[in-house]
């Protein structure tokens, strides 16, 4: 292998560490206005009246808009479009957008917001999960389950769970309560919109999902998608918190359409917290059974999930809380009841490990207790329950490999587990847990025949390779990954590769950076395009040398005849021959979908992935018995992510996940 599997600095790293990189707030256009959003002070109320006349008359104000500017609904999931650019008729949480202003500067915009008069008629807010289960005369949204505030209910049953528990030697049940957690990314939300005089909108936004922003803007503005250009500048962290199309993106576009001038909206930190879309607060009840010799028999799981004011990814979240417990262990029977409830709080959404983290924590705690009851070492208990390779789970997920065994053995050895488990002095302990997650969803959100990812390549006489793909680089290293996936088949170094992944006018569709999908899907699309180019270069080398094309390989900047490597041409010689008479080489690669997999029951596609990743962790901690303060001395992590294309980037992801996990386990809690 050439560049695959080698430690590679990220191709955009120097720009980021030197401050040269351009983020959305760095964009300054001539005649640009400042946009500000007036937010609801109440959690739930009818908007009885809005008077914007005083704000509109303030010198320096160019536009004041409110909910009637656009009543079109949008949302990241087609099945759950419940958002509008600004509140229409009623507000649903403290921070809901009520009106917006575009003015010459921030001070004027803030003064104009103060002059907007809104009369509210408060409703009794839904602030407790259980209250959302009751039938009500005023549900938060019009499409709920049976007149309640239940957004989504899932019931799944595989096998006879009750019989499994009845035949178990050990059955453990616990209830868990998980606090809300927000992403706390470095760069706040920011958007610039420019609706020019030709009637075409250009929008720059710090987003993980340019494609879904593109779709939502077309719906809200009621214009064709070709009239919209979406540009994603550098993104300063996201972790799922920028994976929805957002109201502020719609509002900036509406203000720009009104004023025919560019409009920028930059959030302060309070607005970031109000916008939220963080991990769902959840109440989880879980029961797991095991035989006397430590084999798992069944899992019964109930999850009550606080969705906040909007749907976001919530339909998926409701499924994921259950089905992502189907690995890495073999669960012979499974029963799941999940309900996501609308409440009058900032909306919940996707956050790192979307939908899996809370249930995973509950499961690993109970597995530990079952191991204790069975008198089996916690790692040994897990080892004997792992899913084998090339199998299906009880809910018909296809498992091709499971590296948890190797991972557990690695962390056991590295941590000197056998010397420490149950042998450390009081106040010190060592523990183990495993993980399991999708590598992208097997089926796309929108049921179309479009590929989930596409890459375009161009090679011209300068010998450079341009890679175009709308996969969003959000700091995870996807631009570097695309460069590697193109360089490797062509047998060239990364210095020849230039990646363009930010502009919907020039870069082909990719669904976005979420669900851990980009390396698998965009990487395969880029590789396929590069293989098509390689075939053209090999054909050129065959013509130049007179040897059959079947024997050529691309490596080390040459196209060589493998049976006799002395026969060959340089990359540039092959390229010059390939260009003759026709110009630039163009190729396209796509990742469409996984082969037909999964069951036929309702919800079978949720959690269904072309491949899965597996993790094993050991942590050694010290607890102060008087203060309860926990000090984490060491964490050992082993991940089965398939082949690590760039070990440096993989290690960065692992270290980042540890720090984010420590935050949730020990400290993080957002007020809602």
Foldseek 3Di string as FASTA:
>chain_A
DAQFQAFDDFPCVVCVVVVVFDAQVNDDDPPAWEKDFQWDQDLKWFFPDKDQVVLCPQPFWQDKFFQVLFVFFAFLFPVFGFDALADDGMHHAGGGTGMMTTGRDDVSRVVSSVVMDIDTGGDDFFDDLVQQVDADPDALTPDAPPNGQWNDKDWDWFDDQVVLQVQFPDKDKDKDWAFWFFFPFDFFWKKKWAQAPVRAIEMETQAQFQPSLLVVLCRRVVHDSVSYKYFYGAHRDDQFPRHMNHSVRNVQHSVNVSRNHMYMYGDDPVSSVLLTQTAWTKMKMKMWGAHLQQETEAIEIEIRTEFENGCHVVNLLQVLLAPQVQDQFAHNIYIYIGTYGYGSGNGHHAGNVRNHPVSQVVVLVVLVVSCVVSVHDSLVSRLVGGDQAQDAHSQFFGAHHACVNVQSVVQCVVVVVVCFAVNDDPQKHKDKGKGKAFQDFQADSDPDQDFQWKWKWKAFLVGAIEIATQADCHPLSLQVLLLLLQCVQQAHDSVRYDYDHTMPVPHDDHRGPPRNHRNPWHSQFSNVQSNVVNLLLLVLLCVVQVHDSVQWGHHDQWTARNVDRVRTGGSSSSLVSSCPPPGMDMGMGGHHGAPDTFDDDPPGSNRHHNHMKMKMKMWMWGADVVPRDIDTDDMDMDMPPDRRRHVVSVVVVVVVVVVVVCCSVPPGHRDD
